[in-house]
Amino acid sequence: MIKVLFFAKLREQVGRSEIELPALDSGSNVAALLDAVVAEIPEAEPVLRQGNILAAINQEMAPLSAIVADGDEVAFFPPVTGG
């Protein structure tokens, strides 16, 4: 299983704070996980496909090309700004 977390405004827009999905095929990346999330929550597609979403795997920032494995925790969140 892969635990998927949504933070900040994404959590509000998706309507959930987390979901669990079955492990993906070996070698699958964060982009493939996003596809699986959209398949599970179709109404979240506009939010998750906005192009500036950030991801972390096991609490470390990761690009969409990073490999996701069974047992990973993947978090998605909007870009943050300081000030």
C-alpha atoms as a PDB file:
ATOM      1  CA  MET A   1       0.000   0.000   0.000  1.00  0.00           C
ATOM      2  CA  ILE A   2       0.996   3.603  -0.562  1.00  0.00           C
ATOM      3  CA  LYS A   3      -0.257   6.251   1.828  1.00  0.00           C
ATOM      4  CA  VAL A   4      -1.083   9.503   0.022  1.00  0.00           C
ATOM      5  CA  LEU A   5      -1.420  12.709   2.029  1.00  0.00           C
ATOM      6  CA  PHE A   6      -2.833  16.063   0.942  1.00  0.00           C
ATOM      7  CA  PHE A   7      -1.773  19.234   2.741  1.00  0.00           C
ATOM      8  CA  ALA A   8      -2.857  22.838   3.036  1.00  0.00           C
ATOM      9  CA  LYS A   9      -5.196  24.108   0.334  1.00  0.00           C
ATOM     10  CA  LEU A  10      -4.965  20.807  -1.582  1.00  0.00           C
ATOM     11  CA  ARG A  11      -6.577  19.008   1.358  1.00  0.00           C
ATOM     12  CA  GLU A  12      -9.512  21.415   1.194  1.00  0.00           C
ATOM     13  CA  GLN A  13      -9.802  21.208  -2.582  1.00  0.00           C
ATOM     14  CA  VAL A  14      -9.520  17.402  -2.752  1.00  0.00           C
ATOM     15  CA  GLY A  15     -11.869  16.995   0.199  1.00  0.00           C
ATOM     16  CA  ARG A  16      -9.694  14.466   2.003  1.00  0.00           C
ATOM     17  CA  SER A  17      -6.538  14.550   4.056  1.00  0.00           C
ATOM     18  CA  GLU A  18      -5.316  11.126   2.982  1.00  0.00           C
ATOM     19  CA  ILE A  19      -6.043   7.964   1.044  1.00  0.00           C
ATOM     20  CA  GLU A  20      -4.337   4.601   0.701  1.00  0.00           C
ATOM     21  CA  LEU A  21      -3.770   3.042  -2.689  1.00  0.00           C
ATOM     22  CA  PRO A  22      -2.460  -0.377  -3.696  1.00  0.00           C
ATOM     23  CA  ALA A  23       1.228  -0.471  -4.565  1.00  0.00           C
ATOM     24  CA  LEU A  24       1.996   0.501  -8.141  1.00  0.00           C
ATOM     25  CA  ASP A  25       3.981  -1.556 -10.623  1.00  0.00           C
ATOM     26  CA  SER A  26       7.694  -1.710  -9.881  1.00  0.00           C
ATOM     27  CA  GLY A  27       9.475   1.361 -11.232  1.00  0.00           C
ATOM     28  CA  SER A  28       6.370   3.580 -11.169  1.00  0.00           C
ATOM     29  CA  ASN A  29       6.926   7.224 -10.358  1.00  0.00           C
ATOM     30  CA  VAL A  30       5.085  10.043  -8.600  1.00  0.00           C
ATOM     31  CA  ALA A  31       3.425  11.059 -11.880  1.00  0.00           C
ATOM     32  CA  ALA A  32       1.951   7.537 -12.174  1.00  0.00           C
ATOM     33  CA  LEU A  33       0.772   7.798  -8.583  1.00  0.00           C
ATOM     34  CA  LEU A  34      -0.983  11.058  -9.462  1.00  0.00           C
ATOM     35  CA  ASP A  35      -2.769   9.170 -12.255  1.00  0.00           C
ATOM     36  CA  ALA A  36      -3.873   6.551  -9.709  1.00  0.00           C
ATOM     37  CA  VAL A  37      -5.098   9.255  -7.323  1.00  0.00           C
ATOM     38  CA  VAL A  38      -7.119  10.904 -10.103  1.00  0.00           C
ATOM     39  CA  ALA A  39      -8.616   7.513 -10.997  1.00  0.00           C
ATOM     40  CA  GLU A  40      -9.655   7.120  -7.339  1.00  0.00           C
ATOM     41  CA  ILE A  41     -10.867  10.728  -6.902  1.00  0.00           C
ATOM     42  CA  PRO A  42     -11.821  12.010 -10.392  1.00  0.00           C
ATOM     43  CA  GLU A  43     -13.187  15.289  -9.075  1.00  0.00           C
ATOM     44  CA  ALA A  44      -9.681  16.161  -7.800  1.00  0.00           C
ATOM     45  CA  GLU A  45      -8.144  16.122 -11.280  1.00  0.00           C
ATOM     46  CA  PRO A  46      -8.228  19.906 -11.898  1.00  0.00           C
ATOM     47  CA  VAL A  47      -6.515  20.531  -8.565  1.00  0.00           C
ATOM     48  CA  LEU A  48      -3.887  17.825  -8.928  1.00  0.00           C
ATOM     49  CA  ARG A  49      -3.077  18.644 -12.561  1.00  0.00           C
ATOM     50  CA  GLN A  50      -2.489  22.360 -12.064  1.00  0.00           C
ATOM     51  CA  GLY A  51       1.206  21.890 -12.805  1.00  0.00           C
ATOM     52  CA  ASN A  52       2.740  23.498  -9.744  1.00  0.00           C
ATOM     53  CA  ILE A  53       1.980  20.820  -7.186  1.00  0.00           C
ATOM     54  CA  LEU A  54       4.861  19.697  -4.962  1.00  0.00           C
ATOM     55  CA  ALA A  55       5.515  16.172  -3.724  1.00  0.00           C
ATOM     56  CA  ALA A  56       7.476  14.500  -0.967  1.00  0.00           C
ATOM     57  CA  ILE A  57       8.242  10.811  -0.560  1.00  0.00           C
ATOM     58  CA  ASN A  58       8.754   9.728   3.039  1.00  0.00           C
ATOM     59  CA  GLN A  59       9.079  13.389   4.066  1.00  0.00           C
ATOM     60  CA  GLU A  60      11.734  14.275   1.484  1.00  0.00           C
ATOM     61  CA  MET A  61      11.014  16.532  -1.479  1.00  0.00           C
ATOM     62  CA  ALA A  62      10.758  14.558  -4.698  1.00  0.00           C
ATOM     63  CA  PRO A  63      10.230  15.333  -8.398  1.00  0.00           C
ATOM     64  CA  LEU A  64       7.360  13.745 -10.319  1.00  0.00           C
ATOM     65  CA  SER A  65       9.923  11.417 -11.884  1.00  0.00           C
ATOM     66  CA  ALA A  66      10.932   9.907  -8.506  1.00  0.00           C
ATOM     67  CA  ILE A  67      10.168   6.213  -8.041  1.00  0.00           C
ATOM     68  CA  VAL A  68       7.431   5.237  -5.575  1.00  0.00           C
ATOM     69  CA  ALA A  69       7.573   1.889  -3.779  1.00  0.00           C
ATOM     70  CA  ASP A  70       5.195  -0.207  -1.716  1.00  0.00           C
ATOM     71  CA  GLY A  71       5.036   1.169   1.833  1.00  0.00           C
ATOM     72  CA  ASP A  72       5.978   4.722   0.864  1.00  0.00           C
ATOM     73  CA  GLU A  73       4.182   7.771   2.173  1.00  0.00           C
ATOM     74  CA  VAL A  74       3.697  10.391  -0.530  1.00  0.00           C
ATOM     75  CA  ALA A  75       2.530  13.889   0.308  1.00  0.00           C
ATOM     76  CA  PHE A  76       1.194  16.445  -2.147  1.00  0.00           C
ATOM     77  CA  PHE A  77       1.007  20.132  -1.335  1.00  0.00           C
ATOM     78  CA  PRO A  78       0.776  23.484  -3.075  1.00  0.00           C
ATOM     79  CA  PRO A  79       3.832  25.668  -3.547  1.00  0.00           C
ATOM     80  CA  VAL A  80       4.708  27.662  -0.462  1.00  0.00           C
ATOM     81  CA  THR A  81       5.894  31.219  -0.247  1.00  0.00           C
ATOM     82  CA  GLY A  82       7.661  33.044   2.484  1.00  0.00           C
ATOM     83  CA  GLY A  83       7.471  36.602   3.423  1.00  0.00           C
END
